[in-house]
Amino acid sequence: MQTKDIISTKDGRKLGRIIDVEINEEGKITYLIVEHKKKFRSILGNGMDASFNFNQIVKIGEDVILIDV
């Protein structure tokens, strides 16, 4: 999954790539931790990485993961 780009379904913008995941005590993925692009970083107003709820995933493709944000 780390080699896949994260793409917003809202506007088609590339949000970054997965650098880590958060797993709950049941062993299920709850969040994707994404190292985002500089443009997205400026929107957040800080240098922190973004996290997206696993439920926001619309489709996992061969090259990309589509996320509804």
Protein backbone atom coordinates (compact mmCIF):
# COMPACT_ATOMS: atom_id res chain seq x y z
CA MET A 1 0.00 0.00 0.00
CA GLN A 2 2.92 2.38 0.58
CA THR A 3 3.66 2.70 -3.12
CA LYS A 4 0.14 3.87 -3.95
CA ASP A 5 -0.78 7.53 -4.35
CA ILE A 6 -3.72 8.84 -2.33
CA ILE A 7 -6.16 10.74 -4.56
CA SER A 8 -9.17 12.84 -3.48
CA THR A 9 -12.41 11.88 -5.23
CA LYS A 10 -13.71 15.40 -4.63
CA ASP A 11 -11.26 17.22 -6.89
CA GLY A 12 -8.83 14.59 -8.21
CA ARG A 13 -5.91 16.09 -6.31
CA LYS A 14 -2.99 13.93 -5.16
CA LEU A 15 -2.82 14.06 -1.36
CA GLY A 16 0.38 12.07 -0.91
CA ARG A 17 1.51 8.54 -0.10
CA ILE A 18 0.89 6.28 2.87
CA ILE A 19 3.77 6.26 5.34
CA ASP A 20 2.04 4.41 8.19
CA VAL A 21 -1.28 3.00 9.39
CA GLU A 22 -3.04 3.01 12.74
CA ILE A 23 -4.39 -0.34 13.84
CA ASN A 24 -6.94 -0.85 16.62
CA GLU A 25 -6.79 -3.53 19.31
CA GLU A 26 -8.82 -5.89 17.08
CA GLY A 27 -6.11 -5.73 14.40
CA LYS A 28 -8.18 -3.65 11.95
CA ILE A 29 -6.77 -0.62 10.12
CA THR A 30 -8.49 2.53 11.41
CA TYR A 31 -6.40 5.35 9.90
CA LEU A 32 -4.00 5.87 7.01
CA ILE A 33 -1.13 8.21 7.85
CA VAL A 34 -0.16 10.13 4.70
CA GLU A 35 2.95 12.17 3.98
CA HIS A 36 1.29 14.91 2.01
CA LYS A 37 2.51 17.21 -0.69
CA LYS A 38 3.74 20.74 0.04
CA LYS A 39 0.54 22.27 -1.37
CA PHE A 40 -1.62 20.17 0.97
CA ARG A 41 0.73 20.96 3.87
CA SER A 42 0.07 24.69 3.41
CA ILE A 43 -3.69 24.08 3.60
CA LEU A 44 -3.27 22.38 6.97
CA GLY A 45 -1.07 25.23 8.15
CA ASN A 46 1.62 23.00 9.63
CA GLY A 47 4.26 20.49 8.66
CA MET A 48 2.41 17.54 10.15
CA ASP A 49 1.35 14.52 8.17
CA ALA A 50 -2.34 13.96 7.49
CA SER A 51 -4.43 11.02 8.63
CA PHE A 52 -7.53 9.70 6.93
CA ASN A 53 -10.13 7.37 8.36
CA PHE A 54 -10.03 3.96 6.71
CA ASN A 55 -13.80 4.30 6.10
CA GLN A 56 -13.08 7.22 3.73
CA ILE A 57 -11.54 4.85 1.17
CA VAL A 58 -13.72 4.59 -1.90
CA LYS A 59 -11.55 2.27 -4.00
CA ILE A 60 -8.13 0.64 -3.80
CA GLY A 61 -6.75 0.34 -7.30
CA GLU A 62 -3.57 -1.06 -8.78
CA ASP A 63 -1.72 2.29 -8.61
CA VAL A 64 -3.86 4.59 -6.45
CA ILE A 65 -6.21 4.72 -3.48
CA LEU A 66 -9.27 6.95 -3.91
CA ILE A 67 -10.40 8.73 -0.74
CA ASP A 68 -13.58 10.73 -0.19
CA VAL A 69 -12.48 13.83 1.75
